[in-house]
Amino acid sequence: MLTDYIKVKTKGNSDIIDITLQVAGFVERQKIKDGIIFLSVIGSTAAITTMEYESGLIKDLKRAFEEIIPYKKDYAHNFTWADDNGHSHLRSSFIKTSFFVSVTASKLDLGTWQQIVLVDFDTQPRDRKIVVKGVI
């Protein structure tokens, strides 16, 4: 098992950051030819997924998050902790905090327009840490 970390500064509020190059760099540094990469963001208000990382889809995805799980709502979490990030936890739970991607011939098995992204749903900027594990 190979382990590394990706550190990312985010703006919060559904900030979407392309981490594909960092993950590909891990594959290259570790000389992984065939295997599985496991990614896990530390925290319960962020998520990892894939998308076509382009400005129109970034706007569309942020709008979809707001329509499906709106920021301003009476979430029980907000009352429990006297904060305003209940929506952040719910969005993270729906998208998930971990992700697997396979590697074949030293390349991530991603489509032409598919990138791996970190989405930070919290209400403030964060220093995020993503655990990267390689199984070969």
C-alpha atoms as a PDB file:
ATOM      1  CA  MET A   1       0.000   0.000   0.000  1.00  0.00           C
ATOM      2  CA  LEU A   2       1.400   3.370  -1.040  1.00  0.00           C
ATOM      3  CA  THR A   3       0.305   6.536   0.763  1.00  0.00           C
ATOM      4  CA  ASP A   4       0.556  10.254   0.062  1.00  0.00           C
ATOM      5  CA  TYR A   5      -1.479  13.408   0.700  1.00  0.00           C
ATOM      6  CA  ILE A   6      -2.870  16.219  -1.402  1.00  0.00           C
ATOM      7  CA  LYS A   7      -3.321  19.539   0.380  1.00  0.00           C
ATOM      8  CA  VAL A   8      -5.721  22.100  -1.050  1.00  0.00           C
ATOM      9  CA  LYS A   9      -6.806  25.570   0.047  1.00  0.00           C
ATOM     10  CA  THR A  10     -10.473  26.139  -0.699  1.00  0.00           C
ATOM     11  CA  LYS A  11     -12.869  29.077  -0.688  1.00  0.00           C
ATOM     12  CA  GLY A  12     -15.797  27.049   0.712  1.00  0.00           C
ATOM     13  CA  ASN A  13     -19.375  27.528  -0.493  1.00  0.00           C
ATOM     14  CA  SER A  14     -19.264  24.672  -3.043  1.00  0.00           C
ATOM     15  CA  ASP A  15     -15.785  25.541  -4.285  1.00  0.00           C
ATOM     16  CA  ILE A  16     -14.840  22.945  -6.921  1.00  0.00           C
ATOM     17  CA  ILE A  17     -11.149  22.174  -7.424  1.00  0.00           C
ATOM     18  CA  ASP A  18      -9.649  19.910 -10.080  1.00  0.00           C
ATOM     19  CA  ILE A  19      -7.179  17.510  -8.408  1.00  0.00           C
ATOM     20  CA  THR A  20      -6.608  15.229 -11.399  1.00  0.00           C
ATOM     21  CA  LEU A  21      -3.012  16.369 -11.995  1.00  0.00           C
ATOM     22  CA  GLN A  22      -2.078  15.768  -8.346  1.00  0.00           C
ATOM     23  CA  VAL A  23      -3.519  12.249  -8.482  1.00  0.00           C
ATOM     24  CA  ALA A  24      -1.760  11.538 -11.798  1.00  0.00           C
ATOM     25  CA  GLY A  25       1.453  12.858 -10.228  1.00  0.00           C
ATOM     26  CA  PHE A  26       1.094  10.315  -7.430  1.00  0.00           C
ATOM     27  CA  VAL A  27       0.759   7.524 -10.014  1.00  0.00           C
ATOM     28  CA  GLU A  28       3.874   8.781 -11.801  1.00  0.00           C
ATOM     29  CA  ARG A  29       5.987   9.276  -8.639  1.00  0.00           C
ATOM     30  CA  GLN A  30       5.070   5.838  -7.317  1.00  0.00           C
ATOM     31  CA  LYS A  31       5.600   4.233 -10.737  1.00  0.00           C
ATOM     32  CA  ILE A  32       2.206   2.522 -10.619  1.00  0.00           C
ATOM     33  CA  LYS A  33       1.562   0.574 -13.824  1.00  0.00           C
ATOM     34  CA  ASP A  34      -1.687  -1.173 -12.929  1.00  0.00           C
ATOM     35  CA  GLY A  35      -3.647  -0.719  -9.726  1.00  0.00           C
ATOM     36  CA  ILE A  36      -6.314   1.139  -7.804  1.00  0.00           C
ATOM     37  CA  ILE A  37      -6.095   4.630  -6.331  1.00  0.00           C
ATOM     38  CA  PHE A  38      -8.253   5.399  -3.308  1.00  0.00           C
ATOM     39  CA  LEU A  39      -8.885   9.042  -2.369  1.00  0.00           C
ATOM     40  CA  SER A  40     -10.443  10.219   0.883  1.00  0.00           C
ATOM     41  CA  VAL A  41     -10.925  13.839   1.934  1.00  0.00           C
ATOM     42  CA  ILE A  42     -10.609  14.379   5.674  1.00  0.00           C
ATOM     43  CA  GLY A  43     -13.751  16.078   6.954  1.00  0.00           C
ATOM     44  CA  SER A  44     -17.521  15.795   6.746  1.00  0.00           C
ATOM     45  CA  THR A  45     -18.283  18.921   4.702  1.00  0.00           C
ATOM     46  CA  ALA A  46     -16.357  18.114   1.504  1.00  0.00           C
ATOM     47  CA  ALA A  47     -16.590  15.458  -1.183  1.00  0.00           C
ATOM     48  CA  ILE A  48     -14.730  13.892  -4.095  1.00  0.00           C
ATOM     49  CA  THR A  49     -16.291  13.023  -7.438  1.00  0.00           C
ATOM     50  CA  THR A  50     -15.690  13.359 -11.182  1.00  0.00           C
ATOM     51  CA  MET A  51     -17.031  15.808 -13.717  1.00  0.00           C
ATOM     52  CA  GLU A  52     -16.085  17.658 -16.877  1.00  0.00           C
ATOM     53  CA  TYR A  53     -14.236  20.528 -15.237  1.00  0.00           C
ATOM     54  CA  GLU A  54     -15.368  23.495 -17.336  1.00  0.00           C
ATOM     55  CA  SER A  55     -16.947  26.803 -16.328  1.00  0.00           C
ATOM     56  CA  GLY A  56     -20.476  26.060 -17.547  1.00  0.00           C
ATOM     57  CA  LEU A  57     -20.716  22.718 -15.787  1.00  0.00           C
ATOM     58  CA  ILE A  58     -19.146  24.171 -12.631  1.00  0.00           C
ATOM     59  CA  LYS A  59     -21.973  26.740 -12.536  1.00  0.00           C
ATOM     60  CA  ASP A  60     -24.567  24.064 -13.309  1.00  0.00           C
ATOM     61  CA  LEU A  61     -23.309  21.758 -10.555  1.00  0.00           C
ATOM     62  CA  LYS A  62     -23.270  24.547  -7.965  1.00  0.00           C
ATOM     63  CA  ARG A  63     -26.822  25.491  -8.953  1.00  0.00           C
ATOM     64  CA  ALA A  64     -27.910  21.837  -8.696  1.00  0.00           C
ATOM     65  CA  PHE A  65     -26.464  21.594  -5.174  1.00  0.00           C
ATOM     66  CA  GLU A  66     -28.414  24.702  -4.172  1.00  0.00           C
ATOM     67  CA  GLU A  67     -31.650  23.397  -5.702  1.00  0.00           C
ATOM     68  CA  ILE A  68     -31.384  19.912  -4.194  1.00  0.00           C
ATOM     69  CA  ILE A  69     -30.006  20.840  -0.746  1.00  0.00           C
ATOM     70  CA  PRO A  70     -30.389  24.617  -0.247  1.00  0.00           C
ATOM     71  CA  TYR A  71     -28.120  26.623   2.035  1.00  0.00           C
ATOM     72  CA  LYS A  72     -30.827  28.493   3.916  1.00  0.00           C
ATOM     73  CA  LYS A  73     -33.131  25.962   5.484  1.00  0.00           C
ATOM     74  CA  ASP A  74     -34.030  24.932   9.023  1.00  0.00           C
ATOM     75  CA  TYR A  75     -31.659  21.974   9.319  1.00  0.00           C
ATOM     76  CA  ALA A  76     -31.661  20.266  12.728  1.00  0.00           C
ATOM     77  CA  HIS A  77     -27.838  20.243  12.645  1.00  0.00           C
ATOM     78  CA  ASN A  78     -27.806  24.044  12.611  1.00  0.00           C
ATOM     79  CA  PHE A  79     -29.981  24.190  15.720  1.00  0.00           C
ATOM     80  CA  THR A  80     -27.972  21.488  17.477  1.00  0.00           C
ATOM     81  CA  TRP A  81     -24.622  23.229  16.990  1.00  0.00           C
ATOM     82  CA  ALA A  82     -25.755  26.846  16.522  1.00  0.00           C
ATOM     83  CA  ASP A  83     -24.058  27.067  13.131  1.00  0.00           C
ATOM     84  CA  ASP A  84     -25.118  27.307   9.493  1.00  0.00           C
ATOM     85  CA  ASN A  85     -23.468  24.390   7.698  1.00  0.00           C
ATOM     86  CA  GLY A  86     -26.095  21.662   7.939  1.00  0.00           C
ATOM     87  CA  HIS A  87     -26.408  21.791   4.149  1.00  0.00           C
ATOM     88  CA  SER A  88     -22.637  21.232   3.876  1.00  0.00           C
ATOM     89  CA  HIS A  89     -22.818  17.950   5.786  1.00  0.00           C
ATOM     90  CA  LEU A  90     -25.834  16.760   3.788  1.00  0.00           C
ATOM     91  CA  ARG A  91     -24.229  17.566   0.425  1.00  0.00           C
ATOM     92  CA  SER A  92     -21.052  15.761   1.470  1.00  0.00           C
ATOM     93  CA  SER A  93     -23.074  12.707   2.518  1.00  0.00           C
ATOM     94  CA  PHE A  94     -24.789  12.575  -0.884  1.00  0.00           C
ATOM     95  CA  ILE A  95     -21.619  12.916  -2.968  1.00  0.00           C
ATOM     96  CA  LYS A  96     -19.328  11.037  -0.513  1.00  0.00           C
ATOM     97  CA  THR A  97     -15.900  11.778   0.916  1.00  0.00           C
ATOM     98  CA  SER A  98     -14.043   8.988  -0.896  1.00  0.00           C
ATOM     99  CA  PHE A  99     -13.450   7.852  -4.442  1.00  0.00           C
ATOM    100  CA  PHE A 100     -11.718   5.006  -6.301  1.00  0.00           C
ATOM    101  CA  VAL A 101     -10.071   5.230  -9.714  1.00  0.00           C
ATOM    102  CA  SER A 102      -8.234   2.464 -11.521  1.00  0.00           C
ATOM    103  CA  VAL A 103      -4.870   2.755 -13.245  1.00  0.00           C
ATOM    104  CA  THR A 104      -3.946   0.924 -16.437  1.00  0.00           C
ATOM    105  CA  ALA A 105      -0.587   1.228 -18.195  1.00  0.00           C
ATOM    106  CA  SER A 106       0.413   4.044 -15.764  1.00  0.00           C
ATOM    107  CA  LYS A 107      -2.631   6.184 -16.679  1.00  0.00           C
ATOM    108  CA  LEU A 108      -5.727   7.030 -14.665  1.00  0.00           C
ATOM    109  CA  ASP A 109      -8.744   5.296 -16.206  1.00  0.00           C
ATOM    110  CA  LEU A 110     -10.717   8.474 -16.880  1.00  0.00           C
ATOM    111  CA  GLY A 111     -12.669   9.613 -19.905  1.00  0.00           C
ATOM    112  CA  THR A 112     -11.360  12.339 -22.186  1.00  0.00           C
ATOM    113  CA  TRP A 113     -13.444  15.035 -20.478  1.00  0.00           C
ATOM    114  CA  GLN A 114     -13.499  13.495 -16.990  1.00  0.00           C
ATOM    115  CA  GLN A 115     -11.567  15.045 -14.122  1.00  0.00           C
ATOM    116  CA  ILE A 116     -11.384  14.201 -10.423  1.00  0.00           C
ATOM    117  CA  VAL A 117     -12.606  17.085  -8.280  1.00  0.00           C
ATOM    118  CA  LEU A 118     -12.767  18.084  -4.642  1.00  0.00           C
ATOM    119  CA  VAL A 119     -15.930  19.965  -3.693  1.00  0.00           C
ATOM    120  CA  ASP A 120     -15.808  21.981  -0.467  1.00  0.00           C
ATOM    121  CA  PHE A 121     -19.329  22.596   0.793  1.00  0.00           C
ATOM    122  CA  ASP A 122     -18.455  24.351   4.045  1.00  0.00           C
ATOM    123  CA  THR A 123     -19.370  27.998   4.591  1.00  0.00           C
ATOM    124  CA  GLN A 124     -15.802  29.250   4.956  1.00  0.00           C
ATOM    125  CA  PRO A 125     -12.359  28.716   3.408  1.00  0.00           C
ATOM    126  CA  ARG A 126     -10.569  25.559   4.527  1.00  0.00           C
ATOM    127  CA  ASP A 127      -7.225  23.841   4.291  1.00  0.00           C
ATOM    128  CA  ARG A 128      -8.281  20.406   3.029  1.00  0.00           C
ATOM    129  CA  LYS A 129      -6.234  17.227   3.212  1.00  0.00           C
ATOM    130  CA  ILE A 130      -6.895  14.320   0.882  1.00  0.00           C
ATOM    131  CA  VAL A 131      -5.408  10.897   1.636  1.00  0.00           C
ATOM    132  CA  VAL A 132      -4.178   9.122  -1.491  1.00  0.00           C
ATOM    133  CA  LYS A 133      -3.646   5.340  -1.294  1.00  0.00           C
ATOM    134  CA  GLY A 134      -2.302   3.237  -4.115  1.00  0.00           C
ATOM    135  CA  VAL A 135      -2.854  -0.490  -4.261  1.00  0.00           C
ATOM    136  CA  ILE A 136      -0.746  -2.317  -6.813  1.00  0.00           C
END
